[in-house]
Amino acid sequence: MNKAIIISGAAVAVIAASAVGYTYYMTHPSVECTTDSFSFKVPRGFKLDDNESIHDINGQMYKYGFGGDIAICELNSNQTPRAYAESFGEDDAEREKIDGTPLECYNIEHNTKHEKENVYLTGTDTYFLVMETDNSFINGFLGDMAMKNIVKTVKYTSDYRLADLPDEYDNEYFHISTGGKYSFSDFEYKDEGLLAGQTIRYRESDDKDKGIYPVLSIGVNGSGNAENNAEKYDERYESKINDPEHFHNVVRDKQELFGYEAEHVHFEHYDDYKGTPFTQVYDTKSFIKDGHTYYVNMNYIKDRDEADVQEMLDCISIK
């Protein structure tokens, strides 16, 4: 009897030790991995699945446990980790800030059509590392422990400037100095004859909507004809004033821009986001200088973004 008890106790001890060892093997990060902008460590029990395609740019899939998998992807988004976390999943998703990580980090649990997903995201105000797994009983437990440990190893390694540093841009037509509040990117809409173009957006904001609006674009093209430029603005005005169902407060006049007299068209559009109405403003100005056409397009939320747009304009100096 005593012998049986001793044998049973030993068996339990072996099983318990094996379980502890297996859990450590599956959850303790020790293998160095990299993406374009991050380095991190994964547990030795994770196996990179080279055959699994990840739709996100620079994505990796790791297999672990009893058929579990964790997708780790690098994303670029012009908003803070907090704002991205708030916009991720449905309104009823559970979100929690994770402390003790090198980079700002959040955990989101949300339901999809097929399963409950567990997501961790960490990063700068520009680049995120996002990892997710399903919440099945065993693998969900191991996956959560593993991801909670992985995010503590994440380092930002890119030589691209950190998002809270000033941005400077210079060409022969204009100079942009955004400070730490805004960032710029290559012009999003390529016009025929475009010589130079940049788009400025909010960079540091806890309001996820400001990752979209306000936005300002400045462009220069070679068609520096004042008469043609005025006709274009007349046509733009006519197209909006003749569509009162969609466009309101349509204005056509001349205004000052960077010390030059500029053609100007302003119009507004009523919109709705999740039951909250707002007014979108479109403002475009253009002037001729040295045989070139300079133009600025501004798109923002009325009674919210006016000061931001003025700050964006103040970032620009014409040569």
C-alpha atoms as a PDB file:
ATOM      1  CA  MET A   1       0.000   0.000   0.000  1.00  0.00           C
ATOM      2  CA  ASN A   2       2.744   2.384   1.034  1.00  0.00           C
ATOM      3  CA  LYS A   3       4.717   1.333  -2.040  1.00  0.00           C
ATOM      4  CA  ALA A   4       1.743   2.141  -4.274  1.00  0.00           C
ATOM      5  CA  ILE A   5       1.335   5.535  -2.642  1.00  0.00           C
ATOM      6  CA  ILE A   6       5.043   6.262  -3.120  1.00  0.00           C
ATOM      7  CA  ILE A   7       4.890   5.227  -6.789  1.00  0.00           C
ATOM      8  CA  SER A   8       1.753   7.326  -7.366  1.00  0.00           C
ATOM      9  CA  GLY A   9       3.337  10.304  -5.619  1.00  0.00           C
ATOM     10  CA  ALA A  10       6.457   9.962  -7.726  1.00  0.00           C
ATOM     11  CA  ALA A  11       4.364   9.773 -10.894  1.00  0.00           C
ATOM     12  CA  VAL A  12       2.473  12.924  -9.919  1.00  0.00           C
ATOM     13  CA  ALA A  13       5.758  14.688  -9.207  1.00  0.00           C
ATOM     14  CA  VAL A  14       7.147  13.660 -12.598  1.00  0.00           C
ATOM     15  CA  ILE A  15       3.977  14.841 -14.366  1.00  0.00           C
ATOM     16  CA  ALA A  16       3.998  18.132 -12.470  1.00  0.00           C
ATOM     17  CA  ALA A  17       7.658  18.701 -13.271  1.00  0.00           C
ATOM     18  CA  SER A  18       7.035  17.862 -16.928  1.00  0.00           C
ATOM     19  CA  ALA A  19       4.116  20.299 -17.054  1.00  0.00           C
ATOM     20  CA  VAL A  20       6.236  23.044 -15.521  1.00  0.00           C
ATOM     21  CA  GLY A  21       9.076  22.322 -17.935  1.00  0.00           C
ATOM     22  CA  TYR A  22       6.735  22.265 -20.932  1.00  0.00           C
ATOM     23  CA  THR A  23       5.094  25.535 -19.896  1.00  0.00           C
ATOM     24  CA  TYR A  24       8.512  27.166 -19.536  1.00  0.00           C
ATOM     25  CA  TYR A  25       9.587  25.758 -22.934  1.00  0.00           C
ATOM     26  CA  MET A  26       6.495  27.259 -24.570  1.00  0.00           C
ATOM     27  CA  THR A  27       6.363  30.619 -22.790  1.00  0.00           C
ATOM     28  CA  HIS A  28       9.935  31.767 -21.947  1.00  0.00           C
ATOM     29  CA  PRO A  29      11.408  33.868 -24.818  1.00  0.00           C
ATOM     30  CA  SER A  30      14.972  32.904 -25.686  1.00  0.00           C
ATOM     31  CA  VAL A  31      15.276  32.789 -29.508  1.00  0.00           C
ATOM     32  CA  GLU A  32      16.101  36.105 -31.215  1.00  0.00           C
ATOM     33  CA  CYS A  33      13.861  37.114 -34.137  1.00  0.00           C
ATOM     34  CA  THR A  34      13.612  40.247 -36.286  1.00  0.00           C
ATOM     35  CA  THR A  35      11.328  42.182 -38.613  1.00  0.00           C
ATOM     36  CA  ASP A  36      12.304  45.262 -40.609  1.00  0.00           C
ATOM     37  CA  SER A  37      11.847  47.602 -37.646  1.00  0.00           C
ATOM     38  CA  PHE A  38      11.865  45.392 -34.530  1.00  0.00           C
ATOM     39  CA  SER A  39      13.797  42.677 -32.745  1.00  0.00           C
ATOM     40  CA  PHE A  40      12.135  40.341 -30.247  1.00  0.00           C
ATOM     41  CA  LYS A  41      12.501  36.908 -28.712  1.00  0.00           C
ATOM     42  CA  VAL A  42      10.164  33.908 -28.907  1.00  0.00           C
ATOM     43  CA  PRO A  43      10.131  30.730 -26.776  1.00  0.00           C
ATOM     44  CA  ARG A  44      12.286  27.835 -27.920  1.00  0.00           C
ATOM     45  CA  GLY A  45       9.117  25.772 -28.382  1.00  0.00           C
ATOM     46  CA  PHE A  46       7.905  28.104 -31.152  1.00  0.00           C
ATOM     47  CA  LYS A  47       8.518  27.006 -34.754  1.00  0.00           C
ATOM     48  CA  LEU A  48       8.457  29.478 -37.637  1.00  0.00           C
ATOM     49  CA  ASP A  49       6.031  28.269 -40.327  1.00  0.00           C
ATOM     50  CA  ASP A  50       7.576  29.315 -43.645  1.00  0.00           C
ATOM     51  CA  ASN A  51       4.630  27.892 -45.577  1.00  0.00           C
ATOM     52  CA  GLU A  52       1.999  30.047 -43.859  1.00  0.00           C
ATOM     53  CA  SER A  53       1.320  33.298 -45.726  1.00  0.00           C
ATOM     54  CA  ILE A  54       0.603  36.400 -43.652  1.00  0.00           C
ATOM     55  CA  HIS A  55      -1.385  39.106 -45.427  1.00  0.00           C
ATOM     56  CA  ASP A  56       0.275  41.877 -43.419  1.00  0.00           C
ATOM     57  CA  ILE A  57       3.568  43.254 -44.652  1.00  0.00           C
ATOM     58  CA  ASN A  58       6.539  41.679 -42.884  1.00  0.00           C
ATOM     59  CA  GLY A  59       4.406  39.054 -41.113  1.00  0.00           C
ATOM     60  CA  GLN A  60       5.476  35.777 -39.528  1.00  0.00           C
ATOM     61  CA  MET A  61       3.506  32.766 -38.280  1.00  0.00           C
ATOM     62  CA  TYR A  62       4.746  30.629 -35.396  1.00  0.00           C
ATOM     63  CA  LYS A  63       3.370  27.204 -34.442  1.00  0.00           C
ATOM     64  CA  TYR A  64       3.367  26.042 -30.818  1.00  0.00           C
ATOM     65  CA  GLY A  65       1.713  23.627 -28.421  1.00  0.00           C
ATOM     66  CA  PHE A  66      -1.133  21.400 -29.590  1.00  0.00           C
ATOM     67  CA  GLY A  67      -1.794  22.972 -32.992  1.00  0.00           C
ATOM     68  CA  GLY A  68      -1.706  26.552 -31.742  1.00  0.00           C
ATOM     69  CA  ASP A  69      -0.319  29.426 -33.786  1.00  0.00           C
ATOM     70  CA  ILE A  70       0.658  33.033 -33.202  1.00  0.00           C
ATOM     71  CA  ALA A  71       0.824  35.601 -35.993  1.00  0.00           C
ATOM     72  CA  ILE A  72       3.381  38.377 -35.486  1.00  0.00           C
ATOM     73  CA  CYS A  73       3.157  41.287 -37.904  1.00  0.00           C
ATOM     74  CA  GLU A  74       4.707  44.711 -38.278  1.00  0.00           C
ATOM     75  CA  LEU A  75       2.311  47.548 -39.094  1.00  0.00           C
ATOM     76  CA  ASN A  76       2.764  51.223 -39.927  1.00  0.00           C
ATOM     77  CA  SER A  77      -0.013  53.542 -38.711  1.00  0.00           C
ATOM     78  CA  ASN A  78       0.065  57.274 -38.111  1.00  0.00           C
ATOM     79  CA  GLN A  79      -1.376  57.184 -34.582  1.00  0.00           C
ATOM     80  CA  THR A  80      -0.365  56.250 -31.053  1.00  0.00           C
ATOM     81  CA  PRO A  81      -0.539  52.653 -29.769  1.00  0.00           C
ATOM     82  CA  ARG A  82      -3.402  53.727 -27.505  1.00  0.00           C
ATOM     83  CA  ALA A  83      -5.396  55.173 -30.420  1.00  0.00           C
ATOM     84  CA  TYR A  84      -4.743  52.053 -32.501  1.00  0.00           C
ATOM     85  CA  ALA A  85      -5.859  49.825 -29.612  1.00  0.00           C
ATOM     86  CA  GLU A  86      -9.077  51.830 -29.241  1.00  0.00           C
ATOM     87  CA  SER A  87      -9.854  51.424 -32.939  1.00  0.00           C
ATOM     88  CA  PHE A  88      -9.035  47.690 -33.004  1.00  0.00           C
ATOM     89  CA  GLY A  89     -12.022  45.311 -32.918  1.00  0.00           C
ATOM     90  CA  GLU A  90     -15.597  46.089 -32.002  1.00  0.00           C
ATOM     91  CA  ASP A  91     -16.758  48.517 -29.323  1.00  0.00           C
ATOM     92  CA  ASP A  92     -17.223  45.676 -26.806  1.00  0.00           C
ATOM     93  CA  ALA A  93     -13.606  44.479 -27.125  1.00  0.00           C
ATOM     94  CA  GLU A  94     -11.703  44.265 -23.834  1.00  0.00           C
ATOM     95  CA  ARG A  95      -8.628  46.529 -23.810  1.00  0.00           C
ATOM     96  CA  GLU A  96      -5.885  46.737 -21.189  1.00  0.00           C
ATOM     97  CA  LYS A  97      -2.645  48.719 -21.023  1.00  0.00           C
ATOM     98  CA  ILE A  98       0.334  46.495 -20.203  1.00  0.00           C
ATOM     99  CA  ASP A  99       2.976  47.964 -17.908  1.00  0.00           C
ATOM    100  CA  GLY A 100       6.641  46.997 -17.648  1.00  0.00           C
ATOM    101  CA  THR A 101       7.335  46.816 -21.415  1.00  0.00           C
ATOM    102  CA  PRO A 102      10.105  48.701 -23.275  1.00  0.00           C
ATOM    103  CA  LEU A 103       7.557  50.218 -25.697  1.00  0.00           C
ATOM    104  CA  GLU A 104       3.961  51.272 -25.070  1.00  0.00           C
ATOM    105  CA  CYS A 105       1.820  48.122 -25.106  1.00  0.00           C
ATOM    106  CA  TYR A 106      -1.867  47.105 -25.075  1.00  0.00           C
ATOM    107  CA  ASN A 107      -3.779  43.832 -24.904  1.00  0.00           C
ATOM    108  CA  ILE A 108      -7.103  43.487 -26.744  1.00  0.00           C
ATOM    109  CA  GLU A 109      -9.503  40.555 -26.554  1.00  0.00           C
ATOM    110  CA  HIS A 110     -12.269  40.613 -29.131  1.00  0.00           C
ATOM    111  CA  ASN A 111     -14.704  38.280 -30.834  1.00  0.00           C
ATOM    112  CA  THR A 112     -14.566  37.416 -34.524  1.00  0.00           C
ATOM    113  CA  LYS A 113     -17.179  35.440 -36.438  1.00  0.00           C
ATOM    114  CA  HIS A 114     -15.401  32.191 -35.618  1.00  0.00           C
ATOM    115  CA  GLU A 115     -13.473  32.617 -32.362  1.00  0.00           C
ATOM    116  CA  LYS A 116     -12.262  34.915 -29.636  1.00  0.00           C
ATOM    117  CA  GLU A 117      -8.889  36.434 -30.473  1.00  0.00           C
ATOM    118  CA  ASN A 118      -6.221  37.644 -28.094  1.00  0.00           C
ATOM    119  CA  VAL A 119      -4.065  40.495 -29.443  1.00  0.00           C
ATOM    120  CA  TYR A 120      -1.000  42.296 -28.121  1.00  0.00           C
ATOM    121  CA  LEU A 121       0.348  45.420 -29.814  1.00  0.00           C
ATOM    122  CA  THR A 122       3.429  47.394 -28.903  1.00  0.00           C
ATOM    123  CA  GLY A 123       5.475  50.070 -30.604  1.00  0.00           C
ATOM    124  CA  THR A 124       6.131  53.728 -31.304  1.00  0.00           C
ATOM    125  CA  ASP A 125       3.709  56.364 -32.580  1.00  0.00           C
ATOM    126  CA  THR A 126       4.502  55.209 -36.113  1.00  0.00           C
ATOM    127  CA  TYR A 127       5.421  51.506 -36.135  1.00  0.00           C
ATOM    128  CA  PHE A 128       3.671  48.680 -34.279  1.00  0.00           C
ATOM    129  CA  LEU A 129       4.446  45.037 -33.692  1.00  0.00           C
ATOM    130  CA  VAL A 130       1.132  43.177 -33.454  1.00  0.00           C
ATOM    131  CA  MET A 131       0.765  39.558 -32.319  1.00  0.00           C
ATOM    132  CA  GLU A 132      -2.417  37.531 -32.016  1.00  0.00           C
ATOM    133  CA  THR A 133      -3.687  34.032 -31.264  1.00  0.00           C
ATOM    134  CA  ASP A 134      -7.025  32.382 -30.580  1.00  0.00           C
ATOM    135  CA  ASN A 135      -8.278  31.823 -27.038  1.00  0.00           C
ATOM    136  CA  SER A 136      -8.684  28.045 -27.055  1.00  0.00           C
ATOM    137  CA  PHE A 137      -8.298  26.483 -23.586  1.00  0.00           C
ATOM    138  CA  ILE A 138      -4.736  25.129 -23.521  1.00  0.00           C
ATOM    139  CA  ASN A 139      -3.152  27.045 -26.374  1.00  0.00           C
ATOM    140  CA  GLY A 140      -4.931  30.228 -25.362  1.00  0.00           C
ATOM    141  CA  PHE A 141      -3.401  29.934 -21.894  1.00  0.00           C
ATOM    142  CA  LEU A 142       0.087  29.230 -23.236  1.00  0.00           C
ATOM    143  CA  GLY A 143      -0.237  31.822 -26.022  1.00  0.00           C
ATOM    144  CA  ASP A 144      -1.249  34.586 -23.628  1.00  0.00           C
ATOM    145  CA  MET A 145       1.650  33.795 -21.287  1.00  0.00           C
ATOM    146  CA  ALA A 146       4.054  33.681 -24.225  1.00  0.00           C
ATOM    147  CA  MET A 147       2.886  36.951 -25.790  1.00  0.00           C
ATOM    148  CA  LYS A 148       2.944  38.695 -22.404  1.00  0.00           C
ATOM    149  CA  ASN A 149       6.606  37.688 -22.139  1.00  0.00           C
ATOM    150  CA  ILE A 150       7.469  38.377 -25.790  1.00  0.00           C
ATOM    151  CA  VAL A 151       6.351  42.024 -25.624  1.00  0.00           C
ATOM    152  CA  LYS A 152       8.853  42.568 -22.790  1.00  0.00           C
ATOM    153  CA  THR A 153      11.679  41.712 -25.229  1.00  0.00           C
ATOM    154  CA  VAL A 154      10.616  43.949 -28.127  1.00  0.00           C
ATOM    155  CA  LYS A 155      13.103  46.609 -29.273  1.00  0.00           C
ATOM    156  CA  TYR A 156      12.694  49.221 -31.995  1.00  0.00           C
ATOM    157  CA  THR A 157      15.685  48.771 -34.331  1.00  0.00           C
ATOM    158  CA  SER A 158      14.852  50.801 -37.438  1.00  0.00           C
ATOM    159  CA  ASP A 159      17.090  53.673 -38.507  1.00  0.00           C
ATOM    160  CA  TYR A 160      13.895  55.558 -39.422  1.00  0.00           C
ATOM    161  CA  ARG A 161      13.405  58.435 -36.977  1.00  0.00           C
ATOM    162  CA  LEU A 162      11.364  57.751 -33.878  1.00  0.00           C
ATOM    163  CA  ALA A 163       7.922  59.282 -34.132  1.00  0.00           C
ATOM    164  CA  ASP A 164       8.434  61.873 -31.406  1.00  0.00           C
ATOM    165  CA  LEU A 165      11.412  63.480 -33.168  1.00  0.00           C
ATOM    166  CA  PRO A 166      11.175  66.500 -35.508  1.00  0.00           C
ATOM    167  CA  ASP A 167      10.692  65.991 -39.225  1.00  0.00           C
ATOM    168  CA  GLU A 168      12.523  68.115 -41.781  1.00  0.00           C
ATOM    169  CA  TYR A 169      11.946  68.165 -45.537  1.00  0.00           C
ATOM    170  CA  ASP A 170      13.605  70.391 -48.101  1.00  0.00           C
ATOM    171  CA  ASN A 171      13.535  70.861 -51.866  1.00  0.00           C
ATOM    172  CA  GLU A 172      14.106  73.744 -54.256  1.00  0.00           C
ATOM    173  CA  TYR A 173      10.487  74.942 -53.948  1.00  0.00           C
ATOM    174  CA  PHE A 174       9.598  74.771 -50.257  1.00  0.00           C
ATOM    175  CA  HIS A 175      10.814  73.682 -46.828  1.00  0.00           C
ATOM    176  CA  ILE A 176       8.840  71.813 -44.149  1.00  0.00           C
ATOM    177  CA  SER A 177       9.744  71.677 -40.457  1.00  0.00           C
ATOM    178  CA  THR A 178       7.034  69.823 -38.532  1.00  0.00           C
ATOM    179  CA  GLY A 179       8.504  69.789 -35.036  1.00  0.00           C
ATOM    180  CA  GLY A 180       7.388  66.726 -33.086  1.00  0.00           C
ATOM    181  CA  LYS A 181       3.648  67.076 -33.558  1.00  0.00           C
ATOM    182  CA  TYR A 182       3.160  66.289 -37.252  1.00  0.00           C
ATOM    183  CA  SER A 183       4.809  64.067 -39.833  1.00  0.00           C
ATOM    184  CA  PHE A 184       4.890  64.139 -43.614  1.00  0.00           C
ATOM    185  CA  SER A 185       4.974  61.582 -46.408  1.00  0.00           C
ATOM    186  CA  ASP A 186       5.268  61.569 -50.182  1.00  0.00           C
ATOM    187  CA  PHE A 187       2.347  63.215 -51.938  1.00  0.00           C
ATOM    188  CA  GLU A 188      -0.558  60.767 -52.014  1.00  0.00           C
ATOM    189  CA  TYR A 189      -2.148  61.923 -55.276  1.00  0.00           C
ATOM    190  CA  LYS A 190       0.212  62.273 -58.227  1.00  0.00           C
ATOM    191  CA  ASP A 191      -0.905  65.080 -60.550  1.00  0.00           C
ATOM    192  CA  GLU A 192       0.377  65.284 -64.090  1.00  0.00           C
ATOM    193  CA  GLY A 193       3.432  67.518 -64.180  1.00  0.00           C
ATOM    194  CA  LEU A 194       4.006  67.272 -60.407  1.00  0.00           C
ATOM    195  CA  LEU A 195       7.484  68.540 -59.489  1.00  0.00           C
ATOM    196  CA  ALA A 196       7.258  68.140 -55.721  1.00  0.00           C
ATOM    197  CA  GLY A 197       4.587  67.153 -53.220  1.00  0.00           C
ATOM    198  CA  GLN A 198       4.214  66.255 -49.550  1.00  0.00           C
ATOM    199  CA  THR A 199       1.316  65.344 -47.263  1.00  0.00           C
ATOM    200  CA  ILE A 200       1.276  66.414 -43.597  1.00  0.00           C
ATOM    201  CA  ARG A 201      -0.733  64.607 -40.913  1.00  0.00           C
ATOM    202  CA  TYR A 202      -1.001  64.427 -37.149  1.00  0.00           C
ATOM    203  CA  ARG A 203       1.613  62.208 -35.572  1.00  0.00           C
ATOM    204  CA  GLU A 204       0.996  62.327 -31.832  1.00  0.00           C
ATOM    205  CA  SER A 205      -2.647  62.077 -30.808  1.00  0.00           C
ATOM    206  CA  ASP A 206      -4.681  59.972 -28.425  1.00  0.00           C
ATOM    207  CA  ASP A 207      -7.689  60.720 -30.633  1.00  0.00           C
ATOM    208  CA  LYS A 208      -7.742  58.028 -33.312  1.00  0.00           C
ATOM    209  CA  ASP A 209      -9.747  60.269 -35.656  1.00  0.00           C
ATOM    210  CA  LYS A 210      -6.832  62.675 -35.921  1.00  0.00           C
ATOM    211  CA  GLY A 211      -4.848  59.954 -37.646  1.00  0.00           C
ATOM    212  CA  ILE A 212      -7.145  60.659 -40.616  1.00  0.00           C
ATOM    213  CA  TYR A 213      -8.127  64.316 -40.253  1.00  0.00           C
ATOM    214  CA  PRO A 214      -6.761  66.931 -40.412  1.00  0.00           C
ATOM    215  CA  VAL A 215      -4.591  66.394 -43.495  1.00  0.00           C
ATOM    216  CA  LEU A 216      -2.760  68.988 -45.587  1.00  0.00           C
ATOM    217  CA  SER A 217      -1.071  68.430 -48.946  1.00  0.00           C
ATOM    218  CA  ILE A 218       1.259  70.848 -50.723  1.00  0.00           C
ATOM    219  CA  GLY A 219       2.258  70.403 -54.351  1.00  0.00           C
ATOM    220  CA  VAL A 220       4.148  72.212 -57.106  1.00  0.00           C
ATOM    221  CA  ASN A 221       3.730  71.599 -60.829  1.00  0.00           C
ATOM    222  CA  GLY A 222       5.171  73.148 -63.948  1.00  0.00           C
ATOM    223  CA  SER A 223       1.989  74.545 -65.475  1.00  0.00           C
ATOM    224  CA  GLY A 224       2.384  78.081 -64.139  1.00  0.00           C
ATOM    225  CA  ASN A 225      -0.429  79.767 -66.080  1.00  0.00           C
ATOM    226  CA  ALA A 226      -2.525  82.145 -63.950  1.00  0.00           C
ATOM    227  CA  GLU A 227      -5.489  82.178 -66.337  1.00  0.00           C
ATOM    228  CA  ASN A 228      -5.682  78.390 -66.550  1.00  0.00           C
ATOM    229  CA  ASN A 229      -5.304  78.140 -62.794  1.00  0.00           C
ATOM    230  CA  ALA A 230      -8.222  80.524 -62.209  1.00  0.00           C
ATOM    231  CA  GLU A 231     -10.375  78.587 -64.683  1.00  0.00           C
ATOM    232  CA  LYS A 232      -9.686  75.344 -62.818  1.00  0.00           C
ATOM    233  CA  TYR A 233     -10.876  76.908 -59.574  1.00  0.00           C
ATOM    234  CA  ASP A 234     -13.951  78.338 -61.309  1.00  0.00           C
ATOM    235  CA  GLU A 235     -14.790  74.853 -62.588  1.00  0.00           C
ATOM    236  CA  ARG A 236     -14.287  73.338 -59.141  1.00  0.00           C
ATOM    237  CA  TYR A 237     -16.580  75.954 -57.626  1.00  0.00           C
ATOM    238  CA  GLU A 238     -19.283  75.375 -60.254  1.00  0.00           C
ATOM    239  CA  SER A 239     -19.228  71.602 -59.723  1.00  0.00           C
ATOM    240  CA  LYS A 240     -19.824  72.041 -55.980  1.00  0.00           C
ATOM    241  CA  ILE A 241     -22.316  74.906 -56.029  1.00  0.00           C
ATOM    242  CA  ASN A 242     -24.457  72.931 -58.480  1.00  0.00           C
ATOM    243  CA  ASP A 243     -24.654  69.953 -56.115  1.00  0.00           C
ATOM    244  CA  PRO A 244     -26.308  71.405 -52.977  1.00  0.00           C
ATOM    245  CA  GLU A 245     -27.445  67.963 -51.844  1.00  0.00           C
ATOM    246  CA  HIS A 246     -23.856  67.002 -51.047  1.00  0.00           C
ATOM    247  CA  PHE A 247     -21.905  70.257 -50.679  1.00  0.00           C
ATOM    248  CA  HIS A 248     -22.616  73.293 -48.521  1.00  0.00           C
ATOM    249  CA  ASN A 249     -21.119  76.713 -47.743  1.00  0.00           C
ATOM    250  CA  VAL A 250     -19.393  76.766 -51.111  1.00  0.00           C
ATOM    251  CA  VAL A 251     -17.085  79.781 -51.479  1.00  0.00           C
ATOM    252  CA  ARG A 252     -14.988  81.042 -54.425  1.00  0.00           C
ATOM    253  CA  ASP A 253     -12.632  83.989 -53.851  1.00  0.00           C
ATOM    254  CA  LYS A 254      -8.989  84.993 -53.580  1.00  0.00           C
ATOM    255  CA  GLN A 255      -7.034  84.707 -50.333  1.00  0.00           C
ATOM    256  CA  GLU A 256      -3.493  85.199 -49.124  1.00  0.00           C
ATOM    257  CA  LEU A 257      -1.251  82.124 -48.882  1.00  0.00           C
ATOM    258  CA  PHE A 258       2.406  82.331 -47.808  1.00  0.00           C
ATOM    259  CA  GLY A 259       2.387  86.030 -48.774  1.00  0.00           C
ATOM    260  CA  TYR A 260       0.967  85.428 -52.282  1.00  0.00           C
ATOM    261  CA  GLU A 261      -2.509  86.103 -53.677  1.00  0.00           C
ATOM    262  CA  ALA A 262      -4.085  82.699 -54.204  1.00  0.00           C
ATOM    263  CA  GLU A 263      -7.151  81.291 -55.928  1.00  0.00           C
ATOM    264  CA  HIS A 264      -9.411  79.776 -53.281  1.00  0.00           C
ATOM    265  CA  VAL A 265     -12.337  77.337 -53.144  1.00  0.00           C
ATOM    266  CA  HIS A 266     -13.990  76.233 -49.902  1.00  0.00           C
ATOM    267  CA  PHE A 267     -16.836  73.752 -49.436  1.00  0.00           C
ATOM    268  CA  GLU A 268     -18.254  71.554 -46.699  1.00  0.00           C
ATOM    269  CA  HIS A 269     -19.831  68.114 -46.515  1.00  0.00           C
ATOM    270  CA  TYR A 270     -21.993  66.721 -43.710  1.00  0.00           C
ATOM    271  CA  ASP A 271     -20.949  63.291 -42.515  1.00  0.00           C
ATOM    272  CA  ASP A 272     -21.607  60.807 -39.729  1.00  0.00           C
ATOM    273  CA  TYR A 273     -19.316  58.503 -37.759  1.00  0.00           C
ATOM    274  CA  LYS A 274     -20.936  55.836 -35.559  1.00  0.00           C
ATOM    275  CA  GLY A 275     -23.981  58.028 -35.048  1.00  0.00           C
ATOM    276  CA  THR A 276     -22.001  61.209 -34.393  1.00  0.00           C
ATOM    277  CA  PRO A 277     -22.565  63.893 -37.053  1.00  0.00           C
ATOM    278  CA  PHE A 278     -19.721  66.192 -38.090  1.00  0.00           C
ATOM    279  CA  THR A 279     -18.878  68.599 -40.891  1.00  0.00           C
ATOM    280  CA  GLN A 280     -15.941  67.888 -43.167  1.00  0.00           C
ATOM    281  CA  VAL A 281     -14.236  70.979 -44.618  1.00  0.00           C
ATOM    282  CA  TYR A 282     -12.369  71.050 -47.936  1.00  0.00           C
ATOM    283  CA  ASP A 283     -10.160  74.081 -48.552  1.00  0.00           C
ATOM    284  CA  THR A 284      -7.888  74.480 -51.567  1.00  0.00           C
ATOM    285  CA  LYS A 285      -5.640  77.423 -52.475  1.00  0.00           C
ATOM    286  CA  SER A 286      -3.224  77.990 -55.332  1.00  0.00           C
ATOM    287  CA  PHE A 287      -0.862  80.686 -56.620  1.00  0.00           C
ATOM    288  CA  ILE A 288       1.688  81.151 -59.397  1.00  0.00           C
ATOM    289  CA  LYS A 289       5.378  81.745 -58.670  1.00  0.00           C
ATOM    290  CA  ASP A 290       8.341  81.684 -61.070  1.00  0.00           C
ATOM    291  CA  GLY A 291       6.354  79.897 -63.765  1.00  0.00           C
ATOM    292  CA  HIS A 292       5.158  77.165 -61.388  1.00  0.00           C
ATOM    293  CA  THR A 293       1.784  76.484 -59.776  1.00  0.00           C
ATOM    294  CA  TYR A 294       1.861  76.025 -55.997  1.00  0.00           C
ATOM    295  CA  TYR A 295      -1.227  74.576 -54.345  1.00  0.00           C
ATOM    296  CA  VAL A 296      -2.329  73.510 -50.887  1.00  0.00           C
ATOM    297  CA  ASN A 297      -5.276  71.202 -50.179  1.00  0.00           C
ATOM    298  CA  MET A 298      -6.668  71.049 -46.635  1.00  0.00           C
ATOM    299  CA  ASN A 299      -9.216  68.543 -45.359  1.00  0.00           C
ATOM    300  CA  TYR A 300     -10.364  68.782 -41.727  1.00  0.00           C
ATOM    301  CA  ILE A 301     -13.239  68.594 -39.247  1.00  0.00           C
ATOM    302  CA  LYS A 302     -15.061  71.881 -38.728  1.00  0.00           C
ATOM    303  CA  ASP A 303     -14.871  73.489 -35.254  1.00  0.00           C
ATOM    304  CA  ARG A 304     -12.184  71.001 -34.205  1.00  0.00           C
ATOM    305  CA  ASP A 305      -9.142  71.132 -36.477  1.00  0.00           C
ATOM    306  CA  GLU A 306      -8.755  74.794 -37.487  1.00  0.00           C
ATOM    307  CA  ALA A 307      -5.837  75.432 -35.110  1.00  0.00           C
ATOM    308  CA  ASP A 308      -4.103  72.241 -36.279  1.00  0.00           C
ATOM    309  CA  VAL A 309      -4.419  73.250 -39.926  1.00  0.00           C
ATOM    310  CA  GLN A 310      -2.915  76.660 -39.188  1.00  0.00           C
ATOM    311  CA  GLU A 311      -0.014  74.963 -37.377  1.00  0.00           C
ATOM    312  CA  MET A 312       0.510  72.730 -40.411  1.00  0.00           C
ATOM    313  CA  LEU A 313       0.622  75.797 -42.668  1.00  0.00           C
ATOM    314  CA  ASP A 314       3.096  77.423 -40.292  1.00  0.00           C
ATOM    315  CA  CYS A 315       5.397  74.407 -40.789  1.00  0.00           C
ATOM    316  CA  ILE A 316       5.860  75.372 -44.463  1.00  0.00           C
ATOM    317  CA  SER A 317       8.057  78.080 -45.951  1.00  0.00           C
ATOM    318  CA  ILE A 318       8.166  78.908 -49.674  1.00  0.00           C
ATOM    319  CA  LYS A 319      11.544  79.531 -51.336  1.00  0.00           C
END
